[in-house]
Amino acid sequence: MRLWPRSLREGSDPDPRFTLANERTYLAWVRTSLGLVATAAALEAFGGDLLSPTLRRVLVLGLLGVAALLVIGAFGRWIRIESAMRRRESLPLPAAAAMLAGGLVVAIVAFAVGLRM
């Protein structure tokens, strides 16, 4: 237990159902991140005829960047929620959701513009 942050050692253990639900949510964010990685790989492998090499590279790197930030944010969110449940505080808002939405909107617009060229 010493490896965990102090906030996970404070307070009382929450109901295991809530801890497991928090873990399932974390894993859903990880699956979403893996989907972005798969999309980036598919775009790099099969998007050569659809987009210019520069735009394709920017989109691939952007999707990979959003995926990496999403996984990091999901882990931080998991810890913050677990800590809040242990201290019986309000749960934090999902900041990663806004980051994911913004990143995808930018990628979709860039892809649509790239297809018209």
PDB file of N, CA and C in Angstrom:
ATOM      1  N   MET A   1       0.806  -1.200   0.000  1.00  0.00           N
ATOM      2  CA  MET A   1       0.000   0.000   0.000  1.00  0.00           C
ATOM      3  C   MET A   1       0.851   1.266   0.000  1.00  0.00           C
ATOM      4  N   ARG A   2       2.114   1.168   0.324  1.00  0.00           N
ATOM      5  CA  ARG A   2       2.953   2.363   0.385  1.00  0.00           C
ATOM      6  C   ARG A   2       3.161   2.998  -0.983  1.00  0.00           C
ATOM      7  N   LEU A   3       2.957   2.231  -2.025  1.00  0.00           N
ATOM      8  CA  LEU A   3       3.144   2.773  -3.368  1.00  0.00           C
ATOM      9  C   LEU A   3       2.014   3.726  -3.762  1.00  0.00           C
ATOM     10  N   TRP A   4       0.842   3.578  -3.130  1.00  0.00           N
ATOM     11  CA  TRP A   4      -0.307   4.405  -3.479  1.00  0.00           C
ATOM     12  C   TRP A   4      -0.182   5.778  -2.842  1.00  0.00           C
ATOM     13  N   PRO A   5      -0.793   6.785  -3.448  1.00  0.00           N
ATOM     14  CA  PRO A   5      -0.779   8.124  -2.850  1.00  0.00           C
ATOM     15  C   PRO A   5      -1.439   8.102  -1.465  1.00  0.00           C
ATOM     16  N   ARG A   6      -1.046   9.035  -0.648  1.00  0.00           N
ATOM     17  CA  ARG A   6      -1.593   9.131   0.703  1.00  0.00           C
ATOM     18  C   ARG A   6      -3.116   9.256   0.669  1.00  0.00           C
ATOM     19  N   SER A   7      -3.649   9.953  -0.331  1.00  0.00           N
ATOM     20  CA  SER A   7      -5.094  10.158  -0.397  1.00  0.00           C
ATOM     21  C   SER A   7      -5.859   8.844  -0.523  1.00  0.00           C
ATOM     22  N   LEU A   8      -5.211   7.794  -1.025  1.00  0.00           N
ATOM     23  CA  LEU A   8      -5.871   6.493  -1.115  1.00  0.00           C
ATOM     24  C   LEU A   8      -5.718   5.686   0.167  1.00  0.00           C
ATOM     25  N   ARG A   9      -4.932   6.184   1.097  1.00  0.00           N
ATOM     26  CA  ARG A   9      -4.763   5.503   2.384  1.00  0.00           C
ATOM     27  C   ARG A   9      -5.549   6.199   3.481  1.00  0.00           C
ATOM     28  N   GLU A  10      -6.121   7.365   3.172  1.00  0.00           N
ATOM     29  CA  GLU A  10      -6.889   8.124   4.154  1.00  0.00           C
ATOM     30  C   GLU A  10      -8.361   7.753   4.068  1.00  0.00           C
ATOM     31  N   GLY A  11      -9.101   8.086   5.101  1.00  0.00           N
ATOM     32  CA  GLY A  11     -10.536   7.847   5.108  1.00  0.00           C
ATOM     33  C   GLY A  11     -10.868   6.378   5.284  1.00  0.00           C
ATOM     34  N   SER A  12     -12.098   6.043   4.926  1.00  0.00           N
ATOM     35  CA  SER A  12     -12.544   4.654   5.075  1.00  0.00           C
ATOM     36  C   SER A  12     -12.786   4.047   3.701  1.00  0.00           C
ATOM     37  N   ASP A  13     -12.700   2.738   3.643  1.00  0.00           N
ATOM     38  CA  ASP A  13     -12.920   2.043   2.374  1.00  0.00           C
ATOM     39  C   ASP A  13     -14.355   2.268   1.909  1.00  0.00           C
ATOM     40  N   PRO A  14     -14.523   2.676   0.653  1.00  0.00           N
ATOM     41  CA  PRO A  14     -15.887   2.824   0.133  1.00  0.00           C
ATOM     42  C   PRO A  14     -16.494   1.453  -0.143  1.00  0.00           C
ATOM     43  N   ASP A  15     -17.770   1.456  -0.407  1.00  0.00           N
ATOM     44  CA  ASP A  15     -18.456   0.224  -0.793  1.00  0.00           C
ATOM     45  C   ASP A  15     -17.724  -0.364  -2.003  1.00  0.00           C
ATOM     46  N   PRO A  16     -17.397  -1.642  -1.999  1.00  0.00           N
ATOM     47  CA  PRO A  16     -16.656  -2.240  -3.123  1.00  0.00           C
ATOM     48  C   PRO A  16     -17.351  -2.048  -4.470  1.00  0.00           C
ATOM     49  N   ARG A  17     -18.676  -1.975  -4.459  1.00  0.00           N
ATOM     50  CA  ARG A  17     -19.387  -1.768  -5.741  1.00  0.00           C
ATOM     51  C   ARG A  17     -18.997  -0.440  -6.376  1.00  0.00           C
ATOM     52  N   PHE A  18     -18.813   0.592  -5.553  1.00  0.00           N
ATOM     53  CA  PHE A  18     -18.444   1.903  -6.086  1.00  0.00           C
ATOM     54  C   PHE A  18     -16.997   1.906  -6.571  1.00  0.00           C
ATOM     55  N   THR A  19     -16.128   1.229  -5.834  1.00  0.00           N
ATOM     56  CA  THR A  19     -14.732   1.118  -6.261  1.00  0.00           C
ATOM     57  C   THR A  19     -14.641   0.367  -7.586  1.00  0.00           C
ATOM     58  N   LEU A  20     -15.399  -0.716  -7.715  1.00  0.00           N
ATOM     59  CA  LEU A  20     -15.376  -1.480  -8.967  1.00  0.00           C
ATOM     60  C   LEU A  20     -16.006  -0.692 -10.117  1.00  0.00           C
ATOM     61  N   ALA A  21     -17.046   0.086  -9.827  1.00  0.00           N
ATOM     62  CA  ALA A  21     -17.630   0.939 -10.868  1.00  0.00           C
ATOM     63  C   ALA A  21     -16.622   1.991 -11.327  1.00  0.00           C
ATOM     64  N   ASN A  22     -15.870   2.547 -10.393  1.00  0.00           N
ATOM     65  CA  ASN A  22     -14.830   3.512 -10.732  1.00  0.00           C
ATOM     66  C   ASN A  22     -13.782   2.856 -11.622  1.00  0.00           C
ATOM     67  N   GLU A  23     -13.419   1.626 -11.297  1.00  0.00           N
ATOM     68  CA  GLU A  23     -12.438   0.900 -12.107  1.00  0.00           C
ATOM     69  C   GLU A  23     -12.975   0.610 -13.510  1.00  0.00           C
ATOM     70  N   ARG A  24     -14.241   0.249 -13.605  1.00  0.00           N
ATOM     71  CA  ARG A  24     -14.835   0.002 -14.934  1.00  0.00           C
ATOM     72  C   ARG A  24     -14.843   1.270 -15.778  1.00  0.00           C
ATOM     73  N   THR A  25     -15.115   2.405 -15.138  1.00  0.00           N
ATOM     74  CA  THR A  25     -15.082   3.672 -15.862  1.00  0.00           C
ATOM     75  C   THR A  25     -13.677   3.972 -16.352  1.00  0.00           C
ATOM     76  N   TYR A  26     -12.695   3.750 -15.502  1.00  0.00           N
ATOM     77  CA  TYR A  26     -11.300   3.931 -15.916  1.00  0.00           C
ATOM     78  C   TYR A  26     -10.980   3.049 -17.124  1.00  0.00           C
ATOM     79  N   LEU A  27     -11.381   1.794 -17.058  1.00  0.00           N
ATOM     80  CA  LEU A  27     -11.102   0.886 -18.178  1.00  0.00           C
ATOM     81  C   LEU A  27     -11.835   1.304 -19.453  1.00  0.00           C
ATOM     82  N   ALA A  28     -13.013   1.912 -19.316  1.00  0.00           N
ATOM     83  CA  ALA A  28     -13.720   2.422 -20.496  1.00  0.00           C
ATOM     84  C   ALA A  28     -12.929   3.551 -21.147  1.00  0.00           C
ATOM     85  N   TRP A  29     -12.327   4.430 -20.330  1.00  0.00           N
ATOM     86  CA  TRP A  29     -11.486   5.489 -20.879  1.00  0.00           C
ATOM     87  C   TRP A  29     -10.262   4.896 -21.571  1.00  0.00           C
ATOM     88  N   VAL A  30      -9.706   3.835 -20.995  1.00  0.00           N
ATOM     89  CA  VAL A  30      -8.547   3.180 -21.611  1.00  0.00           C
ATOM     90  C   VAL A  30      -8.957   2.563 -22.950  1.00  0.00           C
ATOM     91  N   ARG A  31     -10.128   1.932 -23.007  1.00  0.00           N
ATOM     92  CA  ARG A  31     -10.605   1.372 -24.283  1.00  0.00           C
ATOM     93  C   ARG A  31     -10.802   2.468 -25.330  1.00  0.00           C
ATOM     94  N   THR A  32     -11.321   3.605 -24.903  1.00  0.00           N
ATOM     95  CA  THR A  32     -11.483   4.723 -25.830  1.00  0.00           C
ATOM     96  C   THR A  32     -10.124   5.174 -26.357  1.00  0.00           C
ATOM     97  N   SER A  33      -9.155   5.236 -25.486  1.00  0.00           N
ATOM     98  CA  SER A  33      -7.799   5.612 -25.893  1.00  0.00           C
ATOM     99  C   SER A  33      -7.232   4.596 -26.886  1.00  0.00           C
ATOM    100  N   LEU A  34      -7.440   3.327 -26.617  1.00  0.00           N
ATOM    101  CA  LEU A  34      -6.972   2.290 -27.549  1.00  0.00           C
ATOM    102  C   LEU A  34      -7.670   2.404 -28.905  1.00  0.00           C
ATOM    103  N   GLY A  35      -8.935   2.795 -28.896  1.00  0.00           N
ATOM    104  CA  GLY A  35      -9.647   3.026 -30.150  1.00  0.00           C
ATOM    105  C   GLY A  35      -9.027   4.160 -30.954  1.00  0.00           C
ATOM    106  N   LEU A  36      -8.589   5.212 -30.251  1.00  0.00           N
ATOM    107  CA  LEU A  36      -7.914   6.317 -30.936  1.00  0.00           C
ATOM    108  C   LEU A  36      -6.578   5.864 -31.522  1.00  0.00           C
ATOM    109  N   VAL A  37      -5.860   5.011 -30.785  1.00  0.00           N
ATOM    110  CA  VAL A  37      -4.592   4.485 -31.295  1.00  0.00           C
ATOM    111  C   VAL A  37      -4.844   3.629 -32.538  1.00  0.00           C
ATOM    112  N   ALA A  38      -5.879   2.791 -32.502  1.00  0.00           N
ATOM    113  CA  ALA A  38      -6.217   1.954 -33.659  1.00  0.00           C
ATOM    114  C   ALA A  38      -6.622   2.816 -34.854  1.00  0.00           C
ATOM    115  N   THR A  39      -7.356   3.890 -34.597  1.00  0.00           N
ATOM    116  CA  THR A  39      -7.746   4.799 -35.678  1.00  0.00           C
ATOM    117  C   THR A  39      -6.522   5.463 -36.290  1.00  0.00           C
ATOM    118  N   ALA A  40      -5.605   5.887 -35.452  1.00  0.00           N
ATOM    119  CA  ALA A  40      -4.369   6.509 -35.949  1.00  0.00           C
ATOM    120  C   ALA A  40      -3.575   5.518 -36.787  1.00  0.00           C
ATOM    121  N   ALA A  41      -3.487   4.271 -36.329  1.00  0.00           N
ATOM    122  CA  ALA A  41      -2.749   3.249 -37.076  1.00  0.00           C
ATOM    123  C   ALA A  41      -3.417   2.969 -38.424  1.00  0.00           C
ATOM    124  N   ALA A  42      -4.744   2.890 -38.430  1.00  0.00           N
ATOM    125  CA  ALA A  42      -5.464   2.654 -39.686  1.00  0.00           C
ATOM    126  C   ALA A  42      -5.297   3.826 -40.645  1.00  0.00           C
ATOM    127  N   LEU A  43      -5.347   5.024 -40.124  1.00  0.00           N
ATOM    128  CA  LEU A  43      -5.167   6.205 -40.963  1.00  0.00           C
ATOM    129  C   LEU A  43      -3.773   6.234 -41.579  1.00  0.00           C
ATOM    130  N   GLU A  44      -2.777   5.868 -40.786  1.00  0.00           N
ATOM    131  CA  GLU A  44      -1.406   5.840 -41.298  1.00  0.00           C
ATOM    132  C   GLU A  44      -1.236   4.725 -42.333  1.00  0.00           C
ATOM    133  N   ALA A  45      -1.849   3.583 -42.078  1.00  0.00           N
ATOM    134  CA  ALA A  45      -1.674   2.433 -42.972  1.00  0.00           C
ATOM    135  C   ALA A  45      -2.481   2.558 -44.261  1.00  0.00           C
ATOM    136  N   PHE A  46      -3.698   3.082 -44.150  1.00  0.00           N
ATOM    137  CA  PHE A  46      -4.592   3.053 -45.311  1.00  0.00           C
ATOM    138  C   PHE A  46      -5.020   4.423 -45.816  1.00  0.00           C
ATOM    139  N   GLY A  47      -4.555   5.498 -45.197  1.00  0.00           N
ATOM    140  CA  GLY A  47      -4.995   6.824 -45.591  1.00  0.00           C
ATOM    141  C   GLY A  47      -4.116   7.515 -46.610  1.00  0.00           C
ATOM    142  N   GLY A  48      -3.172   6.791 -47.174  1.00  0.00           N
ATOM    143  CA  GLY A  48      -2.222   7.399 -48.097  1.00  0.00           C
ATOM    144  C   GLY A  48      -2.859   8.020 -49.324  1.00  0.00           C
ATOM    145  N   ASP A  49      -3.913   7.405 -49.856  1.00  0.00           N
ATOM    146  CA  ASP A  49      -4.565   7.925 -51.052  1.00  0.00           C
ATOM    147  C   ASP A  49      -5.610   8.981 -50.749  1.00  0.00           C
ATOM    148  N   LEU A  50      -6.022   9.061 -49.490  1.00  0.00           N
ATOM    149  CA  LEU A  50      -7.096   9.982 -49.137  1.00  0.00           C
ATOM    150  C   LEU A  50      -6.596  11.387 -48.801  1.00  0.00           C
ATOM    151  N   LEU A  51      -5.464  11.458 -48.141  1.00  0.00           N
ATOM    152  CA  LEU A  51      -4.979  12.735 -47.601  1.00  0.00           C
ATOM    153  C   LEU A  51      -3.547  12.995 -48.025  1.00  0.00           C
ATOM    154  N   SER A  52      -3.152  14.237 -47.962  1.00  0.00           N
ATOM    155  CA  SER A  52      -1.752  14.560 -48.219  1.00  0.00           C
ATOM    156  C   SER A  52      -0.903  13.973 -47.097  1.00  0.00           C
ATOM    157  N   PRO A  53       0.339  13.631 -47.385  1.00  0.00           N
ATOM    158  CA  PRO A  53       1.193  13.037 -46.338  1.00  0.00           C
ATOM    159  C   PRO A  53       1.349  13.924 -45.102  1.00  0.00           C
ATOM    160  N   THR A  54       1.420  15.234 -45.300  1.00  0.00           N
ATOM    161  CA  THR A  54       1.585  16.144 -44.161  1.00  0.00           C
ATOM    162  C   THR A  54       0.345  16.150 -43.276  1.00  0.00           C
ATOM    163  N   LEU A  55      -0.829  16.272 -43.890  1.00  0.00           N
ATOM    164  CA  LEU A  55      -2.063  16.286 -43.114  1.00  0.00           C
ATOM    165  C   LEU A  55      -2.283  14.940 -42.427  1.00  0.00           C
ATOM    166  N   ARG A  56      -1.983  13.865 -43.134  1.00  0.00           N
ATOM    167  CA  ARG A  56      -2.135  12.533 -42.538  1.00  0.00           C
ATOM    168  C   ARG A  56      -1.242  12.402 -41.306  1.00  0.00           C
ATOM    169  N   ARG A  57      -0.006  12.846 -41.428  1.00  0.00           N
ATOM    170  CA  ARG A  57       0.933  12.760 -40.306  1.00  0.00           C
ATOM    171  C   ARG A  57       0.455  13.598 -39.131  1.00  0.00           C
ATOM    172  N   VAL A  58      -0.050  14.805 -39.395  1.00  0.00           N
ATOM    173  CA  VAL A  58      -0.560  15.666 -38.333  1.00  0.00           C
ATOM    174  C   VAL A  58      -1.757  15.009 -37.638  1.00  0.00           C
ATOM    175  N   LEU A  59      -2.673  14.446 -38.429  1.00  0.00           N
ATOM    176  CA  LEU A  59      -3.829  13.775 -37.838  1.00  0.00           C
ATOM    177  C   LEU A  59      -3.414  12.572 -36.993  1.00  0.00           C
ATOM    178  N   VAL A  60      -2.506  11.762 -37.511  1.00  0.00           N
ATOM    179  CA  VAL A  60      -2.050  10.574 -36.779  1.00  0.00           C
ATOM    180  C   VAL A  60      -1.394  10.987 -35.467  1.00  0.00           C
ATOM    181  N   LEU A  61      -0.488  11.947 -35.512  1.00  0.00           N
ATOM    182  CA  LEU A  61       0.186  12.387 -34.295  1.00  0.00           C
ATOM    183  C   LEU A  61      -0.789  13.052 -33.321  1.00  0.00           C
ATOM    184  N   GLY A  62      -1.751  13.790 -33.856  1.00  0.00           N
ATOM    185  CA  GLY A  62      -2.771  14.409 -32.997  1.00  0.00           C
ATOM    186  C   GLY A  62      -3.622  13.366 -32.290  1.00  0.00           C
ATOM    187  N   LEU A  63      -4.059  12.346 -33.034  1.00  0.00           N
ATOM    188  CA  LEU A  63      -4.853  11.283 -32.413  1.00  0.00           C
ATOM    189  C   LEU A  63      -4.052  10.529 -31.356  1.00  0.00           C
ATOM    190  N   LEU A  64      -2.794  10.276 -31.646  1.00  0.00           N
ATOM    191  CA  LEU A  64      -1.946   9.595 -30.664  1.00  0.00           C
ATOM    192  C   LEU A  64      -1.728  10.465 -29.424  1.00  0.00           C
ATOM    193  N   GLY A  65      -1.577  11.757 -29.637  1.00  0.00           N
ATOM    194  CA  GLY A  65      -1.422  12.672 -28.508  1.00  0.00           C
ATOM    195  C   GLY A  65      -2.667  12.717 -27.631  1.00  0.00           C
ATOM    196  N   VAL A  66      -3.842  12.791 -28.265  1.00  0.00           N
ATOM    197  CA  VAL A  66      -5.090  12.787 -27.501  1.00  0.00           C
ATOM    198  C   VAL A  66      -5.232  11.471 -26.741  1.00  0.00           C
ATOM    199  N   ALA A  67      -4.875  10.353 -27.386  1.00  0.00           N
ATOM    200  CA  ALA A  67      -4.954   9.044 -26.720  1.00  0.00           C
ATOM    201  C   ALA A  67      -4.048   8.997 -25.492  1.00  0.00           C
ATOM    202  N   ALA A  68      -2.839   9.508 -25.618  1.00  0.00           N
ATOM    203  CA  ALA A  68      -1.909   9.500 -24.482  1.00  0.00           C
ATOM    204  C   ALA A  68      -2.423  10.390 -23.353  1.00  0.00           C
ATOM    205  N   LEU A  69      -2.890  11.583 -23.680  1.00  0.00           N
ATOM    206  CA  LEU A  69      -3.428  12.477 -22.654  1.00  0.00           C
ATOM    207  C   LEU A  69      -4.660  11.881 -21.989  1.00  0.00           C
ATOM    208  N   LEU A  70      -5.470  11.191 -22.775  1.00  0.00           N
ATOM    209  CA  LEU A  70      -6.688  10.585 -22.240  1.00  0.00           C
ATOM    210  C   LEU A  70      -6.368   9.493 -21.223  1.00  0.00           C
ATOM    211  N   VAL A  71      -5.392   8.671 -21.518  1.00  0.00           N
ATOM    212  CA  VAL A  71      -5.024   7.599 -20.590  1.00  0.00           C
ATOM    213  C   VAL A  71      -4.432   8.176 -19.307  1.00  0.00           C
ATOM    214  N   ILE A  72      -3.610   9.195 -19.428  1.00  0.00           N
ATOM    215  CA  ILE A  72      -3.032   9.838 -18.245  1.00  0.00           C
ATOM    216  C   ILE A  72      -4.137  10.499 -17.423  1.00  0.00           C
ATOM    217  N   GLY A  73      -5.026  11.221 -18.099  1.00  0.00           N
ATOM    218  CA  GLY A  73      -6.140  11.864 -17.407  1.00  0.00           C
ATOM    219  C   GLY A  73      -7.077  10.872 -16.749  1.00  0.00           C
ATOM    220  N   ALA A  74      -7.296   9.728 -17.395  1.00  0.00           N
ATOM    221  CA  ALA A  74      -8.178   8.705 -16.830  1.00  0.00           C
ATOM    222  C   ALA A  74      -7.594   8.137 -15.540  1.00  0.00           C
ATOM    223  N   PHE A  75      -6.291   7.923 -15.522  1.00  0.00           N
ATOM    224  CA  PHE A  75      -5.674   7.392 -14.302  1.00  0.00           C
ATOM    225  C   PHE A  75      -5.765   8.409 -13.165  1.00  0.00           C
ATOM    226  N   GLY A  76      -5.482   9.668 -13.481  1.00  0.00           N
ATOM    227  CA  GLY A  76      -5.604  10.713 -12.469  1.00  0.00           C
ATOM    228  C   GLY A  76      -7.029  10.839 -11.960  1.00  0.00           C
ATOM    229  N   ARG A  77      -7.990  10.722 -12.867  1.00  0.00           N
ATOM    230  CA  ARG A  77      -9.405  10.781 -12.475  1.00  0.00           C
ATOM    231  C   ARG A  77      -9.753   9.604 -11.577  1.00  0.00           C
ATOM    232  N   TRP A  78      -9.266   8.420 -11.892  1.00  0.00           N
ATOM    233  CA  TRP A  78      -9.543   7.246 -11.073  1.00  0.00           C
ATOM    234  C   TRP A  78      -9.062   7.492  -9.636  1.00  0.00           C
ATOM    235  N   ILE A  79      -7.850   8.028  -9.506  1.00  0.00           N
ATOM    236  CA  ILE A  79      -7.309   8.302  -8.170  1.00  0.00           C
ATOM    237  C   ILE A  79      -8.128   9.377  -7.458  1.00  0.00           C
ATOM    238  N   ARG A  80      -8.487  10.461  -8.173  1.00  0.00           N
ATOM    239  CA  ARG A  80      -9.262  11.540  -7.544  1.00  0.00           C
ATOM    240  C   ARG A  80     -10.634  11.046  -7.076  1.00  0.00           C
ATOM    241  N   ILE A  81     -11.282  10.213  -7.890  1.00  0.00           N
ATOM    242  CA  ILE A  81     -12.598   9.701  -7.500  1.00  0.00           C
ATOM    243  C   ILE A  81     -12.475   8.750  -6.316  1.00  0.00           C
ATOM    244  N   GLU A  82     -11.502   7.870  -6.359  1.00  0.00           N
ATOM    245  CA  GLU A  82     -11.302   6.935  -5.247  1.00  0.00           C
ATOM    246  C   GLU A  82     -11.023   7.699  -3.957  1.00  0.00           C
ATOM    247  N   SER A  83     -10.204   8.729  -4.038  1.00  0.00           N
ATOM    248  CA  SER A  83      -9.898   9.542  -2.856  1.00  0.00           C
ATOM    249  C   SER A  83     -11.146  10.256  -2.349  1.00  0.00           C
ATOM    250  N   ALA A  84     -11.926  10.820  -3.258  1.00  0.00           N
ATOM    251  CA  ALA A  84     -13.147  11.527  -2.858  1.00  0.00           C
ATOM    252  C   ALA A  84     -14.138  10.572  -2.187  1.00  0.00           C
ATOM    253  N   MET A  85     -14.257   9.363  -2.719  1.00  0.00           N
ATOM    254  CA  MET A  85     -15.170   8.404  -2.101  1.00  0.00           C
ATOM    255  C   MET A  85     -14.699   8.022  -0.701  1.00  0.00           C
ATOM    256  N   ARG A  86     -13.391   7.889  -0.521  1.00  0.00           N
ATOM    257  CA  ARG A  86     -12.862   7.533   0.800  1.00  0.00           C
ATOM    258  C   ARG A  86     -13.118   8.640   1.818  1.00  0.00           C
ATOM    259  N   ARG A  87     -13.093   9.896   1.366  1.00  0.00           N
ATOM    260  CA  ARG A  87     -13.305  11.033   2.276  1.00  0.00           C
ATOM    261  C   ARG A  87     -14.754  11.513   2.281  1.00  0.00           C
ATOM    262  N   ARG A  88     -15.616  10.816   1.524  1.00  0.00           N
ATOM    263  CA  ARG A  88     -17.047  11.165   1.426  1.00  0.00           C
ATOM    264  C   ARG A  88     -17.239  12.599   0.929  1.00  0.00           C
ATOM    265  N   GLU A  89     -16.504  12.946  -0.134  1.00  0.00           N
ATOM    266  CA  GLU A  89     -16.604  14.266  -0.751  1.00  0.00           C
ATOM    267  C   GLU A  89     -17.329  14.144  -2.090  1.00  0.00           C
ATOM    268  N   SER A  90     -17.645  15.288  -2.681  1.00  0.00           N
ATOM    269  CA  SER A  90     -18.246  15.305  -4.014  1.00  0.00           C
ATOM    270  C   SER A  90     -17.243  14.772  -5.027  1.00  0.00           C
ATOM    271  N   LEU A  91     -17.762  14.119  -6.047  1.00  0.00           N
ATOM    272  CA  LEU A  91     -16.890  13.568  -7.075  1.00  0.00           C
ATOM    273  C   LEU A  91     -16.464  14.666  -8.050  1.00  0.00           C
ATOM    274  N   PRO A  92     -15.232  14.589  -8.560  1.00  0.00           N
ATOM    275  CA  PRO A  92     -14.751  15.610  -9.505  1.00  0.00           C
ATOM    276  C   PRO A  92     -15.438  15.470 -10.866  1.00  0.00           C
ATOM    277  N   LEU A  93     -15.477  16.569 -11.578  1.00  0.00           N
ATOM    278  CA  LEU A  93     -16.050  16.563 -12.923  1.00  0.00           C
ATOM    279  C   LEU A  93     -15.082  15.895 -13.902  1.00  0.00           C
ATOM    280  N   PRO A  94     -15.604  15.302 -14.974  1.00  0.00           N
ATOM    281  CA  PRO A  94     -14.738  14.616 -15.948  1.00  0.00           C
ATOM    282  C   PRO A  94     -14.094  15.576 -16.943  1.00  0.00           C
ATOM    283  N   ALA A  95     -12.957  16.144 -16.588  1.00  0.00           N
ATOM    284  CA  ALA A  95     -12.258  17.075 -17.479  1.00  0.00           C
ATOM    285  C   ALA A  95     -11.779  16.375 -18.746  1.00  0.00           C
ATOM    286  N   ALA A  96     -11.492  15.085 -18.655  1.00  0.00           N
ATOM    287  CA  ALA A  96     -11.006  14.344 -19.824  1.00  0.00           C
ATOM    288  C   ALA A  96     -12.062  14.281 -20.923  1.00  0.00           C
ATOM    289  N   ALA A  97     -13.331  14.321 -20.546  1.00  0.00           N
ATOM    290  CA  ALA A  97     -14.397  14.266 -21.548  1.00  0.00           C
ATOM    291  C   ALA A  97     -14.348  15.493 -22.456  1.00  0.00           C
ATOM    292  N   ALA A  98     -14.117  16.656 -21.884  1.00  0.00           N
ATOM    293  CA  ALA A  98     -14.017  17.878 -22.684  1.00  0.00           C
ATOM    294  C   ALA A  98     -12.786  17.838 -23.583  1.00  0.00           C
ATOM    295  N   MET A  99     -11.671  17.319 -23.055  1.00  0.00           N
ATOM    296  CA  MET A  99     -10.455  17.206 -23.855  1.00  0.00           C
ATOM    297  C   MET A  99     -10.657  16.239 -25.015  1.00  0.00           C
ATOM    298  N   LEU A 100     -11.326  15.126 -24.751  1.00  0.00           N
ATOM    299  CA  LEU A 100     -11.592  14.154 -25.808  1.00  0.00           C
ATOM    300  C   LEU A 100     -12.504  14.758 -26.872  1.00  0.00           C
ATOM    301  N   ALA A 101     -13.563  15.420 -26.458  1.00  0.00           N
ATOM    302  CA  ALA A 101     -14.488  16.029 -27.410  1.00  0.00           C
ATOM    303  C   ALA A 101     -13.786  17.079 -28.262  1.00  0.00           C
ATOM    304  N   GLY A 102     -13.003  17.941 -27.633  1.00  0.00           N
ATOM    305  CA  GLY A 102     -12.286  18.970 -28.387  1.00  0.00           C
ATOM    306  C   GLY A 102     -11.291  18.380 -29.364  1.00  0.00           C
ATOM    307  N   GLY A 103     -10.528  17.384 -28.923  1.00  0.00           N
ATOM    308  CA  GLY A 103      -9.550  16.740 -29.801  1.00  0.00           C
ATOM    309  C   GLY A 103     -10.203  16.062 -30.990  1.00  0.00           C
ATOM    310  N   LEU A 104     -11.328  15.408 -30.753  1.00  0.00           N
ATOM    311  CA  LEU A 104     -12.016  14.730 -31.854  1.00  0.00           C
ATOM    312  C   LEU A 104     -12.647  15.712 -32.831  1.00  0.00           C
ATOM    313  N   VAL A 105     -13.187  16.806 -32.318  1.00  0.00           N
ATOM    314  CA  VAL A 105     -13.762  17.816 -33.219  1.00  0.00           C
ATOM    315  C   VAL A 105     -12.679  18.379 -34.135  1.00  0.00           C
ATOM    316  N   VAL A 106     -11.524  18.690 -33.581  1.00  0.00           N
ATOM    317  CA  VAL A 106     -10.417  19.206 -34.400  1.00  0.00           C
ATOM    318  C   VAL A 106      -9.997  18.166 -35.440  1.00  0.00           C
ATOM    319  N   ALA A 107      -9.880  16.906 -35.042  1.00  0.00           N
ATOM    320  CA  ALA A 107      -9.480  15.842 -35.974  1.00  0.00           C
ATOM    321  C   ALA A 107     -10.520  15.642 -37.071  1.00  0.00           C
ATOM    322  N   ILE A 108     -11.788  15.673 -36.713  1.00  0.00           N
ATOM    323  CA  ILE A 108     -12.857  15.478 -37.701  1.00  0.00           C
ATOM    324  C   ILE A 108     -12.876  16.617 -38.710  1.00  0.00           C
ATOM    325  N   VAL A 109     -12.747  17.841 -38.228  1.00  0.00           N
ATOM    326  CA  VAL A 109     -12.740  18.993 -39.136  1.00  0.00           C
ATOM    327  C   VAL A 109     -11.519  18.933 -40.062  1.00  0.00           C
ATOM    328  N   ALA A 110     -10.353  18.617 -39.510  1.00  0.00           N
ATOM    329  CA  ALA A 110      -9.145  18.524 -40.339  1.00  0.00           C
ATOM    330  C   ALA A 110      -9.277  17.414 -41.376  1.00  0.00           C
ATOM    331  N   PHE A 111      -9.856  16.297 -40.981  1.00  0.00           N
ATOM    332  CA  PHE A 111     -10.045  15.187 -41.916  1.00  0.00           C
ATOM    333  C   PHE A 111     -11.018  15.577 -43.023  1.00  0.00           C
ATOM    334  N   ALA A 112     -12.126  16.223 -42.649  1.00  0.00           N
ATOM    335  CA  ALA A 112     -13.109  16.651 -43.651  1.00  0.00           C
ATOM    336  C   ALA A 112     -12.515  17.661 -44.634  1.00  0.00           C
ATOM    337  N   VAL A 113     -11.750  18.607 -44.124  1.00  0.00           N
ATOM    338  CA  VAL A 113     -11.107  19.595 -44.991  1.00  0.00           C
ATOM    339  C   VAL A 113     -10.077  18.906 -45.889  1.00  0.00           C
ATOM    340  N   GLY A 114      -9.346  17.960 -45.339  1.00  0.00           N
ATOM    341  CA  GLY A 114      -8.348  17.238 -46.119  1.00  0.00           C
ATOM    342  C   GLY A 114      -8.963  16.407 -47.231  1.00  0.00           C
ATOM    343  N   LEU A 115     -10.153  15.867 -47.018  1.00  0.00           N
ATOM    344  CA  LEU A 115     -10.827  15.069 -48.051  1.00  0.00           C
ATOM    345  C   LEU A 115     -11.281  15.925 -49.207  1.00  0.00           C
ATOM    346  N   ARG A 116     -11.617  17.189 -48.965  1.00  0.00           N
ATOM    347  CA  ARG A 116     -12.112  18.075 -50.018  1.00  0.00           C
ATOM    348  C   ARG A 116     -10.991  18.580 -50.914  1.00  0.00           C
ATOM    349  N   MET A 117      -9.745  18.500 -50.450  1.00  0.00           N
ATOM    350  CA  MET A 117      -8.618  19.040 -51.229  1.00  0.00           C
ATOM    351  C   MET A 117      -8.289  18.138 -52.390  1.00  0.00           C
TER     352      MET A 117
END
